[in-house]
Amino acid sequence: MAKIVGDVVINVERCKGCGVCVTGCPKDVLTLGKEVNGKGYNFVVKQNDECIGCANCAMICPDVVLTVYRTKIEE
């Protein structure tokens, strides 16, 4: 049976750190980081690799900062 594994790519320079994606993630993959981007905003970072590829974060991001990829892994 195949398993779907997801990955999130974050455009750090476009992120304004609103945190909407953090609350929308069912697996708590995202969190606000301590570093700042070129505009002075704390940006979102991945805190674990438990992404399921649901893309909730990308759909609710107001600035289209996140891209979600899904990979099928045969077990």
Foldseek 3Di string as FASTA:
>chain_A
DKAKFKDKDFQQQQFQAPCPLCVQAPVNQKDFDPDHHPVGHGGIDGPDRRDRQPCSSQVPDPRNGMDMDMDIDDD
